[in-house]
Protein backbone atom coordinates (compact mmCIF):
# COMPACT_ATOMS: atom_id res chain seq x y z
CA MET A 1 -11.94 -28.67 19.19
CA ALA A 2 -8.57 -26.94 19.05
CA VAL A 3 -8.70 -23.28 19.99
CA GLU A 4 -6.35 -20.32 19.89
CA CYS A 5 -6.38 -17.75 22.71
CA ARG A 6 -5.51 -14.12 22.13
CA PHE A 7 -5.94 -10.77 23.80
CA SER A 8 -9.05 -8.93 22.65
CA ALA A 9 -8.74 -5.39 21.31
CA ASN A 10 -12.33 -4.68 22.38
CA PRO A 11 -12.45 -3.52 26.03
CA PHE A 12 -16.17 -4.34 26.21
CA LYS A 13 -15.31 -7.99 25.83
CA ARG A 14 -13.06 -10.08 27.99
CA PHE A 15 -9.46 -9.04 27.62
CA ARG A 16 -8.53 -12.60 26.70
CA HIS A 17 -10.75 -14.79 24.60
CA CYS A 18 -10.37 -18.00 22.68
CA VAL A 19 -11.50 -18.75 19.17
CA PRO A 20 -11.39 -21.91 17.05
CA LEU A 21 -8.28 -22.34 14.97
CA PRO A 22 -8.70 -21.56 11.26
CA PRO A 23 -9.33 -24.64 9.10
CA PRO A 24 -6.34 -26.34 7.47
CA LEU A 25 -5.12 -24.67 4.33
CA GLU A 26 -7.08 -26.29 1.54
CA GLU A 27 -6.03 -26.61 -2.06
CA ALA A 28 -7.65 -23.25 -2.85
CA GLY A 29 -5.63 -21.74 -0.03
CA TRP A 30 -2.41 -23.01 -1.53
CA THR A 31 -3.50 -21.54 -4.86
CA ALA A 32 -4.08 -18.21 -3.15
CA ALA A 33 -0.64 -18.33 -1.54
CA MET A 34 1.17 -19.15 -4.76
CA PRO A 35 1.80 -15.50 -5.81
CA LEU A 36 3.83 -14.97 -2.65
CA PHE A 37 5.89 -18.09 -3.23
CA THR A 38 6.36 -17.11 -6.87
CA THR A 39 7.51 -13.64 -5.89
CA PHE A 40 10.14 -14.84 -3.46
CA ALA A 41 11.28 -17.55 -5.87
CA SER A 42 11.66 -14.89 -8.56
CA LEU A 43 13.62 -12.78 -6.11
CA LEU A 44 16.03 -15.60 -5.35
CA LEU A 45 16.56 -16.19 -9.06
CA LEU A 46 16.73 -12.51 -9.99
CA LEU A 47 19.32 -11.29 -7.52
CA PRO A 48 22.20 -13.54 -8.68
CA LEU A 49 21.52 -12.46 -12.27
CA THR A 50 21.87 -8.72 -11.62
CA SER A 51 25.62 -8.64 -12.18
CA ALA A 52 25.45 -10.94 -15.20
CA ALA A 53 22.78 -8.78 -16.84
CA GLY A 54 24.56 -5.54 -15.97
CA LEU A 55 21.73 -4.32 -13.73
CA ARG A 56 22.10 -2.57 -10.43
CA LEU A 57 20.41 -4.27 -7.52
CA GLY A 58 17.99 -1.33 -7.31
CA ASP A 59 17.03 -1.61 -10.99
CA ALA A 60 16.48 -5.36 -10.73
CA MET A 61 14.37 -4.96 -7.61
CA ASN A 62 12.34 -2.13 -9.11
CA LEU A 63 11.62 -4.26 -12.18
CA LEU A 64 10.39 -6.98 -9.85
CA VAL A 65 8.18 -4.43 -8.05
CA LEU A 66 6.67 -3.28 -11.36
CA GLY A 67 6.03 -6.86 -12.44
CA ASN A 68 4.56 -7.71 -9.06
CA THR A 69 2.21 -4.73 -9.15
CA ALA A 70 1.10 -5.49 -12.70
CA ALA A 71 0.49 -9.15 -11.82
CA PHE A 72 -1.66 -8.21 -8.82
CA THR A 73 -3.79 -5.83 -10.89
CA ALA A 74 -4.12 -8.33 -13.75
CA ALA A 75 -5.18 -11.10 -11.35
CA LEU A 76 -7.81 -8.85 -9.77
CA LEU A 77 -9.23 -7.75 -13.13
CA ALA A 78 -9.26 -11.32 -14.46
CA HIS A 79 -11.04 -12.49 -11.32
CA ALA A 80 -13.63 -9.71 -11.58
CA ALA A 81 -14.21 -10.51 -15.26
CA GLY A 82 -14.78 -14.18 -14.46
CA LEU A 83 -11.79 -15.32 -16.48
CA LEU A 84 -10.30 -17.21 -13.54
CA ASP A 85 -10.84 -17.86 -9.86
CA ALA A 86 -7.70 -16.24 -8.51
CA GLY A 87 -8.58 -16.97 -4.88
CA PHE A 88 -9.18 -13.43 -3.61
CA SER A 89 -10.93 -13.18 -0.25
CA PRO A 90 -14.65 -12.31 -0.52
CA SER A 91 -14.31 -9.52 2.06
CA PHE A 92 -11.53 -7.91 0.06
CA LEU A 93 -13.50 -8.15 -3.18
CA SER A 94 -16.65 -6.66 -1.66
CA GLY A 95 -15.08 -3.43 -0.44
CA GLY A 96 -11.61 -3.21 -1.93
CA PHE A 97 -9.96 -3.31 1.51
CA CYS A 98 -9.54 -5.89 4.24
CA VAL A 99 -11.55 -4.20 6.98
CA ALA A 100 -11.43 -5.66 10.49
CA ASN A 101 -13.36 -4.81 13.67
CA LYS A 102 -16.42 -3.41 11.89
CA ALA A 103 -18.45 -3.74 15.09
CA THR A 104 -16.05 -1.47 16.99
CA PRO A 105 -15.81 1.80 15.02
CA TRP A 106 -12.77 3.26 16.78
CA LEU A 107 -10.87 0.01 16.21
CA GLN A 108 -12.02 -0.48 12.61
CA SER A 109 -9.17 -0.91 10.12
CA HIS A 110 -9.50 2.58 8.59
CA ALA A 111 -9.39 4.15 12.06
CA LEU A 112 -6.35 2.04 12.96
CA CYS A 113 -4.68 3.22 9.75
CA PHE A 114 -5.18 6.84 10.82
CA TYR A 115 -3.60 6.16 14.22
CA VAL A 116 -0.66 4.28 12.75
CA ASP A 117 -0.04 6.76 9.93
CA THR A 118 -0.19 9.72 12.32
CA ALA A 119 2.37 8.06 14.61
CA GLY A 120 4.51 7.15 11.60
CA ALA A 121 4.34 10.71 10.26
CA LEU A 122 5.49 12.08 13.62
CA ALA A 123 8.39 9.62 13.70
CA LEU A 124 9.45 10.58 10.17
CA ALA A 125 9.14 14.28 10.98
CA LEU A 126 11.49 13.80 13.93
CA LEU A 127 13.95 11.93 11.72
CA CYS A 128 13.94 14.88 9.29
CA TRP A 129 14.06 17.57 11.98
CA ARG A 130 17.77 18.08 11.63
CA ARG A 131 18.74 20.02 8.49
CA PRO A 132 20.44 19.63 6.16
CA LEU A 133 19.49 16.00 5.84
CA PRO A 134 22.38 13.53 5.83
CA LYS A 135 23.37 12.17 2.45
CA GLY A 136 21.03 9.49 1.18
CA LEU A 137 17.94 10.62 3.11
CA ALA A 138 16.33 12.80 0.42
CA LEU A 139 13.63 10.13 0.19
CA LEU A 140 12.47 11.10 3.69
CA GLU A 141 12.34 14.87 3.13
CA ARG A 142 8.61 15.04 2.36
CA SER A 143 7.63 11.59 3.61
CA ALA A 144 5.94 12.76 6.82
CA ARG A 145 3.29 14.82 5.05
CA GLY A 146 2.64 12.00 2.57
CA VAL A 147 2.18 9.41 5.31
CA PHE A 148 -0.12 11.74 7.24
CA ALA A 149 -2.14 12.41 4.07
CA HIS A 150 -2.48 8.66 3.67
CA GLY A 151 -3.82 8.39 7.20
CA ALA A 152 -6.19 11.33 6.69
CA ALA A 153 -7.61 9.59 3.62
CA HIS A 154 -8.34 6.53 5.76
CA LEU A 155 -10.00 8.76 8.35
CA GLY A 156 -12.30 9.98 5.59
CA LEU A 157 -13.01 6.41 4.51
CA TRP A 158 -13.79 5.52 8.13
CA TYR A 159 -16.16 8.47 8.54
CA PHE A 160 -17.98 7.89 5.26
CA SER A 161 -17.95 4.08 5.38
CA PRO A 162 -21.28 2.80 4.01
CA ALA A 163 -23.45 0.63 6.22
CA GLU A 164 -23.74 -1.92 3.40
CA PRO A 165 -20.98 -3.22 1.11
CA PRO A 166 -20.71 -1.38 -2.21
CA SER A 167 -22.51 -2.70 -5.26
CA PRO A 168 -20.68 -5.08 -7.62
CA ALA A 169 -17.66 -3.60 -9.35
CA GLN A 170 -19.06 -1.82 -12.38
CA LEU A 171 -18.11 1.44 -14.03
CA ALA A 172 -20.47 4.25 -13.08
CA SER A 173 -22.93 5.44 -15.74
CA PRO A 174 -23.62 9.18 -16.32
CA ALA A 175 -26.99 8.76 -14.60
CA GLN A 176 -25.33 7.21 -11.54
CA LEU A 177 -22.77 9.99 -11.45
CA ALA A 178 -25.48 12.64 -11.61
CA SER A 179 -27.33 10.95 -8.75
CA HIS A 180 -24.31 11.56 -6.51
CA GLY A 181 -24.39 15.28 -7.25
CA TRP A 182 -21.79 17.00 -9.38
CA LEU A 183 -20.68 19.23 -6.49
CA LYS A 184 -19.94 16.20 -4.31
CA LEU A 185 -18.02 14.57 -7.15
CA ALA A 186 -16.02 17.76 -7.71
CA LEU A 187 -15.15 17.97 -4.01
CA ALA A 188 -14.23 14.27 -3.96
CA SER A 189 -12.05 14.73 -7.04
CA ALA A 190 -10.29 17.70 -5.43
CA GLY A 191 -9.70 15.82 -2.19
CA LEU A 192 -8.39 12.74 -3.97
CA GLY A 193 -6.24 14.92 -6.20
CA LEU A 194 -4.64 16.48 -3.13
CA PHE A 195 -4.09 12.99 -1.72
CA PHE A 196 -2.33 11.84 -4.90
CA PHE A 197 -0.30 15.05 -5.08
CA LEU A 198 1.03 14.80 -1.52
CA LEU A 199 1.95 11.14 -1.94
CA LEU A 200 3.61 11.63 -5.31
CA ARG A 201 5.59 14.59 -3.98
CA THR A 202 7.22 12.34 -1.41
CA ALA A 203 9.27 10.93 -4.29
CA PRO A 204 12.26 13.26 -4.89
CA THR A 205 12.37 12.37 -8.60
CA ILE A 206 8.79 13.49 -9.43
CA PRO A 207 8.65 17.24 -10.27
CA ARG A 208 5.87 19.35 -8.77
CA SER A 209 4.23 20.00 -12.17
CA HIS A 210 4.23 16.29 -13.05
CA ALA A 211 2.78 15.38 -9.66
CA ALA A 212 0.01 17.96 -10.12
CA LEU A 213 -0.95 16.62 -13.56
CA HIS A 214 -0.97 13.00 -12.40
CA ALA A 215 -2.94 13.96 -9.28
CA ALA A 216 -5.60 15.86 -11.21
CA PHE A 217 -6.17 12.97 -13.62
CA HIS A 218 -6.21 10.16 -11.08
CA GLY A 219 -8.25 12.13 -8.54
CA VAL A 220 -11.06 12.48 -11.08
CA ALA A 221 -10.65 8.85 -12.15
CA VAL A 222 -11.04 7.46 -8.63
CA ALA A 223 -13.96 9.76 -7.79
CA CYS A 224 -15.93 9.28 -11.00
CA VAL A 225 -14.84 6.14 -12.84
CA VAL A 226 -13.03 3.52 -10.74
CA PRO A 227 -15.43 1.12 -8.95
CA THR A 228 -15.29 1.34 -5.18
CA ALA A 229 -14.16 -2.27 -4.91
CA PHE A 230 -11.12 -1.45 -7.06
CA GLY A 231 -10.18 1.79 -5.30
CA PHE A 232 -7.29 0.46 -3.22
CA SER A 233 -5.87 -1.62 -6.05
CA TYR A 234 -6.02 1.33 -8.45
CA VAL A 235 -4.28 3.68 -6.02
CA ASN A 236 -1.64 1.06 -5.15
CA THR A 237 -0.94 0.39 -8.84
CA VAL A 238 -0.74 4.06 -9.84
CA LEU A 239 1.48 5.16 -6.97
CA MET A 240 3.89 2.23 -7.08
CA THR A 241 4.21 2.39 -10.87
CA LEU A 242 4.78 6.14 -11.05
CA VAL A 243 7.22 6.32 -8.14
CA VAL A 244 9.30 3.38 -9.35
CA LEU A 245 9.34 4.46 -13.02
CA TYR A 246 10.39 8.01 -12.18
CA GLU A 247 13.16 6.71 -9.92
CA MET A 248 14.42 4.28 -12.55
CA LEU A 249 14.28 6.71 -15.47
CA THR A 250 15.12 10.11 -13.97
CA ALA A 251 17.36 9.46 -10.96
CA GLN A 252 20.44 11.67 -11.32
CA GLN A 253 22.63 9.25 -9.42
CA LYS A 254 21.97 5.57 -8.81
CA ASP A 255 23.94 4.79 -5.70
CA GLU A 256 23.64 2.56 -2.68
CA ALA A 257 20.74 4.64 -1.36
CA TYR A 258 18.84 3.91 -4.58
CA ASP A 259 19.40 0.17 -4.12
CA LEU A 260 18.36 0.29 -0.47
CA ALA A 261 15.16 2.19 -1.28
CA ALA A 262 14.12 -0.45 -3.80
CA VAL A 263 14.82 -3.33 -1.41
CA ILE A 264 13.60 -1.86 1.90
CA VAL A 265 10.86 0.59 0.89
CA HIS A 266 9.34 -0.48 -2.44
CA PHE A 267 9.41 -4.27 -2.30
CA PRO A 268 7.71 -4.96 1.08
CA VAL A 269 4.58 -2.95 0.34
CA THR A 270 3.90 -4.96 -2.83
CA GLN A 271 3.90 -8.13 -0.73
CA LEU A 272 1.33 -6.69 1.68
CA ALA A 273 -1.05 -6.10 -1.24
CA TRP A 274 -0.92 -9.82 -2.11
CA ALA A 275 -1.32 -10.84 1.53
CA GLU A 276 -4.32 -8.57 2.03
CA GLY A 277 -6.07 -9.64 -1.14
CA PHE A 278 -5.67 -13.37 -0.64
CA SER A 279 -5.66 -13.93 3.13
CA CYS A 280 -8.12 -11.32 4.38
CA ASP A 281 -10.86 -13.63 5.62
CA ARG A 282 -8.52 -16.39 6.73
CA TYR A 283 -5.93 -14.35 8.64
CA MET A 284 -5.67 -10.60 8.09
CA LYS A 285 -9.08 -9.68 9.51
CA HIS A 286 -8.10 -11.28 12.81
CA ILE A 287 -5.03 -9.04 13.25
CA GLY A 288 -6.24 -5.64 12.06
CA GLY A 289 -6.68 -6.03 8.31
CA HIS A 290 -5.47 -3.20 6.07
CA VAL A 291 -3.58 -1.49 8.91
CA TRP A 292 -0.58 -3.72 8.20
CA TYR A 293 -0.31 -2.35 4.67
CA ASP A 294 -0.23 1.18 6.06
CA ALA A 295 2.14 0.33 8.90
CA VAL A 296 4.78 -1.15 6.62
CA ILE A 297 5.21 2.17 4.76
CA PRO A 298 6.52 4.38 7.62
CA ALA A 299 8.20 1.36 9.20
CA SER A 300 10.16 0.61 6.02
CA LEU A 301 11.15 4.28 5.70
CA CYS A 302 12.46 4.28 9.27
CA VAL A 303 14.41 1.07 8.62
CA TYR A 304 15.78 2.60 5.42
CA ALA A 305 16.94 5.69 7.34
CA ALA A 306 18.58 3.54 10.00
CA VAL A 307 20.46 1.47 7.41
CA VAL A 308 21.59 4.53 5.44
CA LEU A 309 22.82 6.28 8.58
CA SER A 310 24.59 3.14 9.80
CA ARG A 311 26.50 2.96 6.51
CA GLN A 312 27.85 6.49 6.64
CA PRO A 313 30.36 6.34 9.53
CA ARG A 314 32.17 3.41 7.92
CA SER A 315 32.38 4.65 4.35
CA GLY A 316 31.92 8.39 4.70
CA LYS A 317 29.65 8.35 1.68
CA LEU A 318 27.32 5.98 -0.05
CA ALA A 319 28.83 4.04 -2.93
C-alpha cells in the first residue's frame, strides 16, 4: 500500500510517521472541487472585461468576491435543506469548522488559530508602528486589533468546545434559548458584538456608528438564532459582504491601493472558505484545518503592505 510520510505535530508520537495516501479523487470529489475551478475560470474571463465594461480592477474583483461569498452560502443552505448534495465534508457540516488535532488540545485548530492570529497581529502592529502611515496603508491602521480579536474568539471556541458535535443545524426555539440561561446569552451576545465591532472597524470605510449597529445585530443573531454548524459561514458572509460593499460604495478615492486590496486581501480568503468546506476530511484536517483560513488574513495584509510600499519609490504616489 502506498504511504505518505510526514513530520508529526504531536511530540508524544514519533516525530516522523507514515500514513496511507488518500484515495483517488472520485467523481464526488471532482464535484466538490468544481466551485474552485469555476471561480478561477470566472476570474480569467472577468479580468479582460474590466476595461470593456468600464470597471476598475478593484470593482470587478470585489463583485467576484460578493458573488463567491453568496454562492458559498447558498450552496451550504441548499445542502442543509436537502435540495442538493453539494459535496461538503461531514466534519465541516457537523461543527461549522474544519477542526484538526482534536486529540491534542493545544494543537487543535482553534488553538492554532489563536497562535497564528496573535503572531499576525504583532507583525501588523510592527508594520503600523511608524506614524503617519505611508500612503495606501490606511487598511492596516486598525488591522492588528481586528486580527487579535479574531484569534481571541478562536481561543474562546477552543476553551468552550463541546465534547460532542453540536446537534443538527436547526434554529433555536424559545424553550431552548431559555435552557441556556438568558444571562449567558446576553454575555455571549455582548462578546460576539465586540468581536464584530473590532473586525468591522478594521475597514477604513465603515464608520464607528455603523460598525456598532451591525455588531449589535449580528452579535445577538449568532448567539441566539444562527445554528452552531452555520456560525463560521454566517460570520464569513456578513464580514466579507459588509466590508466589500462599504469599500465599493463609500470609498472616497478608488486608486491602485483599492485595486490591490481587492486582489490581495479580499479574494484569497473567499477561496479558503471553499477549500475548508469541501476538502476538510480529505485534506485540510491533515494540515491544521481552519488555521489556514485565519493565517491567510494577516499574511495577505502583510503582502498587500509590501506591494504598496514597493510601488511608492517608483511612482511617488499610487495611481
